[in-house]
Amino acid sequence: MTEKREPIPFSGTHSSDDLNLYGAYQMLLPIWVEGEPAYVPENNSVLRCLQYLELKENSVRMDWGRYCWNNTKGCCEMEYRADAAGESIVGRACQVQATSGLEILQLPRGGRKHAR
């Protein structure tokens, strides 16, 4: 990651599906996914944000049947950095909260960036 990006306000309308999946977010947070910039809804786990990126941005593809979503199997482990200056950490995408500047260094198993 090289550029510093700031959160941006969400000014659209939330569909009922959006509210059920991501909540009533007001900001989109800048993150990096394997070197590519992305914006994701605040107050969500990384796994939920990856779902957003697949459904709304078509920028990742995930093997959704693989993940338990509730920290029981360890099947969504990823490598990430909390910020550009931080150390590489292995954590579960269902448990890690997305924060501004988060860098996903390696997607959970079965995940891949989608070529646009």
N, C-alpha and C. Protein backbone atom coordinates (compact mmCIF):
# COMPACT_ATOMS: atom_id res chain seq x y z
N MET A 1 0.85 -1.18 0.00
CA MET A 1 0.00 0.00 0.00
C MET A 1 0.89 1.23 0.00
N THR A 2 0.54 2.20 -0.82
CA THR A 2 1.36 3.39 -0.89
C THR A 2 0.57 4.67 -0.61
N GLU A 3 -0.67 4.73 -0.99
CA GLU A 3 -1.42 5.98 -0.82
C GLU A 3 -2.28 5.95 0.44
N LYS A 4 -2.41 7.09 1.06
CA LYS A 4 -3.27 7.25 2.24
C LYS A 4 -4.66 7.65 1.74
N ARG A 5 -5.67 6.94 2.20
CA ARG A 5 -7.04 7.26 1.81
C ARG A 5 -7.88 7.46 3.06
N GLU A 6 -8.91 8.24 2.94
CA GLU A 6 -9.79 8.58 4.05
C GLU A 6 -11.15 7.90 3.86
N PRO A 7 -11.86 7.64 4.97
CA PRO A 7 -13.23 7.14 4.84
C PRO A 7 -14.09 8.14 4.07
N ILE A 8 -15.11 7.63 3.41
CA ILE A 8 -16.02 8.53 2.67
C ILE A 8 -17.44 8.30 3.18
N PRO A 9 -18.22 9.38 3.25
CA PRO A 9 -19.62 9.24 3.70
C PRO A 9 -20.43 8.46 2.67
N PHE A 10 -21.34 7.64 3.15
CA PHE A 10 -22.28 6.95 2.28
C PHE A 10 -23.52 7.81 2.19
N SER A 11 -23.90 8.19 0.98
CA SER A 11 -25.04 9.09 0.82
C SER A 11 -26.20 8.43 0.08
N GLY A 12 -26.08 7.15 -0.20
CA GLY A 12 -27.14 6.45 -0.92
C GLY A 12 -28.25 5.98 -0.01
N THR A 13 -29.08 5.13 -0.56
CA THR A 13 -30.18 4.54 0.18
C THR A 13 -29.86 3.07 0.45
N HIS A 14 -30.12 2.60 1.64
CA HIS A 14 -29.89 1.20 1.99
C HIS A 14 -31.11 0.37 1.59
N SER A 15 -30.87 -0.69 0.84
CA SER A 15 -31.95 -1.63 0.55
C SER A 15 -32.19 -2.48 1.80
N SER A 16 -33.30 -3.19 1.83
CA SER A 16 -33.55 -4.07 2.98
C SER A 16 -32.48 -5.16 3.05
N ASP A 17 -32.00 -5.65 1.91
CA ASP A 17 -30.90 -6.63 1.91
C ASP A 17 -29.64 -6.03 2.51
N ASP A 18 -29.32 -4.79 2.12
CA ASP A 18 -28.14 -4.12 2.67
C ASP A 18 -28.25 -3.99 4.19
N LEU A 19 -29.40 -3.59 4.66
CA LEU A 19 -29.60 -3.44 6.11
C LEU A 19 -29.45 -4.77 6.83
N ASN A 20 -29.98 -5.83 6.24
CA ASN A 20 -29.86 -7.16 6.86
C ASN A 20 -28.42 -7.65 6.89
N LEU A 21 -27.66 -7.38 5.84
CA LEU A 21 -26.29 -7.89 5.74
C LEU A 21 -25.26 -7.01 6.44
N TYR A 22 -25.35 -5.69 6.23
CA TYR A 22 -24.28 -4.78 6.66
C TYR A 22 -24.69 -3.77 7.72
N GLY A 23 -25.98 -3.68 8.03
CA GLY A 23 -26.46 -2.68 8.96
C GLY A 23 -26.59 -1.32 8.27
N ALA A 24 -26.99 -0.33 9.02
CA ALA A 24 -27.20 1.02 8.49
C ALA A 24 -25.90 1.82 8.56
N TYR A 25 -24.96 1.46 7.73
CA TYR A 25 -23.66 2.14 7.75
C TYR A 25 -23.76 3.55 7.18
N GLN A 26 -22.94 4.43 7.73
CA GLN A 26 -22.90 5.83 7.28
C GLN A 26 -21.60 6.17 6.56
N MET A 27 -20.57 5.32 6.76
CA MET A 27 -19.26 5.57 6.16
C MET A 27 -18.76 4.32 5.44
N LEU A 28 -17.98 4.56 4.39
CA LEU A 28 -17.26 3.49 3.71
C LEU A 28 -15.79 3.65 4.06
N LEU A 29 -15.19 2.58 4.56
CA LEU A 29 -13.80 2.61 5.02
C LEU A 29 -12.84 2.15 3.93
N PRO A 30 -11.71 2.83 3.80
CA PRO A 30 -10.72 2.38 2.82
C PRO A 30 -9.91 1.21 3.39
N ILE A 31 -9.83 0.13 2.61
CA ILE A 31 -8.99 -1.01 2.96
C ILE A 31 -8.22 -1.40 1.70
N TRP A 32 -7.32 -2.35 1.85
CA TRP A 32 -6.56 -2.90 0.73
C TRP A 32 -6.77 -4.40 0.72
N VAL A 33 -7.04 -4.95 -0.45
CA VAL A 33 -7.23 -6.39 -0.61
C VAL A 33 -6.17 -6.90 -1.57
N GLU A 34 -5.18 -7.58 -1.01
CA GLU A 34 -4.06 -8.10 -1.79
C GLU A 34 -3.53 -7.04 -2.75
N GLY A 35 -3.28 -5.86 -2.19
CA GLY A 35 -2.67 -4.77 -2.94
C GLY A 35 -3.61 -3.85 -3.69
N GLU A 36 -4.89 -4.18 -3.74
CA GLU A 36 -5.87 -3.36 -4.46
C GLU A 36 -6.72 -2.55 -3.47
N PRO A 37 -6.95 -1.27 -3.76
CA PRO A 37 -7.79 -0.46 -2.87
C PRO A 37 -9.26 -0.84 -2.99
N ALA A 38 -9.97 -0.68 -1.88
CA ALA A 38 -11.42 -0.94 -1.86
C ALA A 38 -12.04 -0.10 -0.75
N TYR A 39 -13.33 0.11 -0.83
CA TYR A 39 -14.09 0.76 0.23
C TYR A 39 -15.17 -0.21 0.71
N VAL A 40 -15.32 -0.33 2.02
CA VAL A 40 -16.27 -1.28 2.61
C VAL A 40 -17.06 -0.58 3.72
N PRO A 41 -18.26 -1.10 4.04
CA PRO A 41 -19.10 -0.47 5.06
C PRO A 41 -18.50 -0.61 6.46
N GLU A 42 -18.59 0.46 7.22
CA GLU A 42 -18.11 0.48 8.61
C GLU A 42 -18.88 -0.53 9.46
N ASN A 43 -18.31 -0.83 10.63
CA ASN A 43 -18.96 -1.66 11.65
C ASN A 43 -19.29 -3.08 11.16
N ASN A 44 -18.39 -3.66 10.37
CA ASN A 44 -18.59 -5.01 9.87
C ASN A 44 -17.31 -5.82 9.99
N SER A 45 -17.47 -7.13 10.09
CA SER A 45 -16.31 -8.02 10.08
C SER A 45 -15.70 -8.02 8.67
N VAL A 46 -14.47 -8.44 8.59
CA VAL A 46 -13.82 -8.54 7.28
C VAL A 46 -14.58 -9.51 6.39
N LEU A 47 -15.06 -10.62 6.93
CA LEU A 47 -15.80 -11.58 6.11
C LEU A 47 -17.05 -10.94 5.51
N ARG A 48 -17.76 -10.16 6.31
CA ARG A 48 -18.95 -9.47 5.81
C ARG A 48 -18.54 -8.43 4.75
N CYS A 49 -17.42 -7.76 4.95
CA CYS A 49 -16.93 -6.79 3.97
C CYS A 49 -16.53 -7.46 2.66
N LEU A 50 -15.97 -8.65 2.75
CA LEU A 50 -15.65 -9.39 1.53
C LEU A 50 -16.92 -9.76 0.78
N GLN A 51 -17.97 -10.06 1.51
CA GLN A 51 -19.26 -10.32 0.87
C GLN A 51 -19.74 -9.06 0.14
N TYR A 52 -19.60 -7.92 0.78
CA TYR A 52 -19.96 -6.64 0.15
C TYR A 52 -19.16 -6.45 -1.13
N LEU A 53 -17.85 -6.70 -1.08
CA LEU A 53 -17.00 -6.50 -2.25
C LEU A 53 -17.38 -7.44 -3.40
N GLU A 54 -17.84 -8.63 -3.06
CA GLU A 54 -18.28 -9.54 -4.12
C GLU A 54 -19.62 -9.10 -4.70
N LEU A 55 -20.59 -8.82 -3.83
CA LEU A 55 -21.94 -8.51 -4.30
C LEU A 55 -22.06 -7.12 -4.91
N LYS A 56 -21.39 -6.13 -4.33
CA LYS A 56 -21.57 -4.75 -4.77
C LYS A 56 -20.50 -4.27 -5.75
N GLU A 57 -19.27 -4.76 -5.58
CA GLU A 57 -18.16 -4.24 -6.39
C GLU A 57 -17.63 -5.26 -7.39
N ASN A 58 -18.00 -6.52 -7.23
CA ASN A 58 -17.53 -7.59 -8.11
C ASN A 58 -15.99 -7.64 -8.17
N SER A 59 -15.36 -7.39 -7.02
CA SER A 59 -13.90 -7.32 -7.01
C SER A 59 -13.23 -8.53 -6.37
N VAL A 60 -13.99 -9.37 -5.68
CA VAL A 60 -13.46 -10.62 -5.13
C VAL A 60 -14.46 -11.74 -5.43
N ARG A 61 -13.95 -12.95 -5.36
CA ARG A 61 -14.78 -14.15 -5.44
C ARG A 61 -14.44 -15.00 -4.23
N MET A 62 -15.45 -15.39 -3.48
CA MET A 62 -15.23 -16.17 -2.27
C MET A 62 -15.99 -17.48 -2.36
N ASP A 63 -15.47 -18.51 -1.73
CA ASP A 63 -16.11 -19.82 -1.66
C ASP A 63 -16.98 -19.84 -0.42
N TRP A 64 -18.18 -19.24 -0.49
CA TRP A 64 -19.01 -18.97 0.68
C TRP A 64 -19.42 -20.23 1.43
N GLY A 65 -19.59 -21.35 0.75
CA GLY A 65 -19.97 -22.58 1.41
C GLY A 65 -18.91 -23.12 2.37
N ARG A 66 -17.72 -22.60 2.27
CA ARG A 66 -16.59 -23.04 3.09
C ARG A 66 -16.60 -22.41 4.48
N TYR A 67 -17.18 -21.24 4.64
CA TYR A 67 -17.03 -20.45 5.86
C TYR A 67 -18.18 -20.67 6.83
N CYS A 68 -17.85 -20.74 8.13
CA CYS A 68 -18.88 -20.97 9.16
C CYS A 68 -19.48 -19.66 9.67
N TRP A 69 -18.81 -18.54 9.52
CA TRP A 69 -19.27 -17.20 9.90
C TRP A 69 -19.28 -16.94 11.39
N ASN A 70 -19.01 -17.93 12.24
CA ASN A 70 -19.16 -17.68 13.67
C ASN A 70 -18.00 -18.22 14.51
N ASN A 71 -16.82 -18.30 13.92
CA ASN A 71 -15.59 -18.62 14.65
C ASN A 71 -15.58 -20.02 15.25
N THR A 72 -16.22 -20.98 14.61
CA THR A 72 -16.21 -22.33 15.16
C THR A 72 -15.24 -23.27 14.45
N LYS A 73 -14.87 -22.96 13.21
CA LYS A 73 -14.02 -23.89 12.46
C LYS A 73 -12.62 -23.36 12.15
N GLY A 74 -12.44 -22.07 12.13
CA GLY A 74 -11.15 -21.52 11.72
C GLY A 74 -10.94 -21.55 10.22
N CYS A 75 -12.03 -21.68 9.48
CA CYS A 75 -11.95 -21.86 8.04
C CYS A 75 -11.78 -20.55 7.26
N CYS A 76 -11.83 -19.41 7.94
CA CYS A 76 -11.71 -18.14 7.24
C CYS A 76 -10.44 -17.39 7.64
N GLU A 77 -9.41 -18.14 8.02
CA GLU A 77 -8.15 -17.49 8.38
C GLU A 77 -7.59 -16.73 7.19
N MET A 78 -7.06 -15.58 7.49
CA MET A 78 -6.46 -14.71 6.48
C MET A 78 -5.20 -14.10 7.10
N GLU A 79 -4.38 -13.53 6.25
CA GLU A 79 -3.23 -12.77 6.73
C GLU A 79 -3.51 -11.30 6.47
N TYR A 80 -3.28 -10.48 7.49
CA TYR A 80 -3.61 -9.07 7.36
C TYR A 80 -2.67 -8.21 8.20
N ARG A 81 -2.75 -6.92 7.96
CA ARG A 81 -2.08 -5.90 8.77
C ARG A 81 -3.14 -4.89 9.16
N ALA A 82 -3.14 -4.49 10.41
CA ALA A 82 -4.12 -3.50 10.86
C ALA A 82 -3.89 -2.14 10.21
N ASP A 83 -2.65 -1.84 9.87
CA ASP A 83 -2.32 -0.60 9.16
C ASP A 83 -0.98 -0.80 8.47
N ALA A 84 -0.59 0.14 7.65
CA ALA A 84 0.62 0.01 6.84
C ALA A 84 1.88 -0.21 7.67
N ALA A 85 1.92 0.32 8.87
CA ALA A 85 3.12 0.20 9.71
C ALA A 85 3.09 -1.04 10.59
N GLY A 86 1.99 -1.76 10.61
CA GLY A 86 1.83 -2.90 11.52
C GLY A 86 2.48 -4.17 11.02
N GLU A 87 2.56 -5.12 11.95
CA GLU A 87 3.09 -6.44 11.64
C GLU A 87 2.01 -7.29 10.96
N SER A 88 2.43 -8.27 10.19
CA SER A 88 1.53 -9.22 9.58
C SER A 88 0.93 -10.11 10.68
N ILE A 89 -0.39 -10.32 10.61
CA ILE A 89 -1.13 -11.09 11.61
C ILE A 89 -1.98 -12.14 10.88
N VAL A 90 -2.12 -13.31 11.47
CA VAL A 90 -3.08 -14.30 10.97
C VAL A 90 -4.30 -14.23 11.88
N GLY A 91 -5.45 -14.05 11.29
CA GLY A 91 -6.69 -13.95 12.06
C GLY A 91 -7.86 -14.46 11.25
N ARG A 92 -8.97 -14.62 11.91
CA ARG A 92 -10.18 -15.11 11.26
C ARG A 92 -11.03 -13.94 10.75
N ALA A 93 -11.36 -13.98 9.47
CA ALA A 93 -12.11 -12.89 8.84
C ALA A 93 -13.47 -12.68 9.47
N CYS A 94 -14.03 -13.72 10.09
CA CYS A 94 -15.33 -13.57 10.75
C CYS A 94 -15.21 -12.84 12.08
N GLN A 95 -14.00 -12.71 12.61
CA GLN A 95 -13.78 -12.09 13.91
C GLN A 95 -13.07 -10.74 13.84
N VAL A 96 -12.33 -10.49 12.78
CA VAL A 96 -11.58 -9.24 12.65
C VAL A 96 -12.52 -8.16 12.13
N GLN A 97 -12.58 -7.06 12.85
CA GLN A 97 -13.40 -5.91 12.44
C GLN A 97 -12.65 -5.11 11.39
N ALA A 98 -13.32 -4.75 10.31
CA ALA A 98 -12.70 -3.91 9.29
C ALA A 98 -12.47 -2.52 9.87
N THR A 99 -11.29 -1.99 9.63
CA THR A 99 -10.93 -0.65 10.08
C THR A 99 -10.28 0.10 8.93
N SER A 100 -10.31 1.39 9.01
CA SER A 100 -9.70 2.22 7.99
C SER A 100 -8.22 1.90 7.88
N GLY A 101 -7.75 1.59 6.67
CA GLY A 101 -6.34 1.30 6.44
C GLY A 101 -5.97 -0.16 6.57
N LEU A 102 -6.91 -1.03 6.94
CA LEU A 102 -6.63 -2.46 7.05
C LEU A 102 -6.12 -2.99 5.72
N GLU A 103 -5.12 -3.86 5.79
CA GLU A 103 -4.58 -4.49 4.59
C GLU A 103 -4.78 -6.00 4.68
N ILE A 104 -5.55 -6.56 3.77
CA ILE A 104 -5.66 -8.01 3.68
C ILE A 104 -4.53 -8.47 2.76
N LEU A 105 -3.55 -9.14 3.35
CA LEU A 105 -2.39 -9.59 2.59
C LEU A 105 -2.68 -10.89 1.85
N GLN A 106 -3.48 -11.76 2.47
CA GLN A 106 -3.90 -13.01 1.84
C GLN A 106 -5.34 -13.29 2.23
N LEU A 107 -6.19 -13.44 1.23
CA LEU A 107 -7.60 -13.72 1.47
C LEU A 107 -7.78 -15.08 2.14
N PRO A 108 -8.92 -15.29 2.80
CA PRO A 108 -9.20 -16.61 3.34
C PRO A 108 -9.16 -17.67 2.23
N ARG A 109 -8.87 -18.90 2.62
CA ARG A 109 -8.79 -19.99 1.66
C ARG A 109 -10.05 -20.04 0.81
N GLY A 110 -9.88 -20.18 -0.49
CA GLY A 110 -11.01 -20.22 -1.41
C GLY A 110 -11.36 -18.85 -1.97
N GLY A 111 -10.74 -17.79 -1.45
CA GLY A 111 -11.01 -16.45 -1.93
C GLY A 111 -9.98 -16.03 -2.96
N ARG A 112 -10.41 -15.19 -3.88
CA ARG A 112 -9.47 -14.65 -4.88
C ARG A 112 -9.99 -13.32 -5.39
N LYS A 113 -9.06 -12.50 -5.83
CA LYS A 113 -9.47 -11.24 -6.45
C LYS A 113 -10.08 -11.56 -7.80
N HIS A 114 -11.06 -10.80 -8.18
CA HIS A 114 -11.73 -10.98 -9.45
C HIS A 114 -11.13 -10.01 -10.46
N ALA A 115 -10.73 -10.53 -11.61
CA ALA A 115 -10.19 -9.67 -12.66
C ALA A 115 -11.34 -8.86 -13.25
N ARG A 116 -11.15 -7.57 -13.32
CA ARG A 116 -12.19 -6.70 -13.89
C ARG A 116 -11.94 -6.45 -15.33
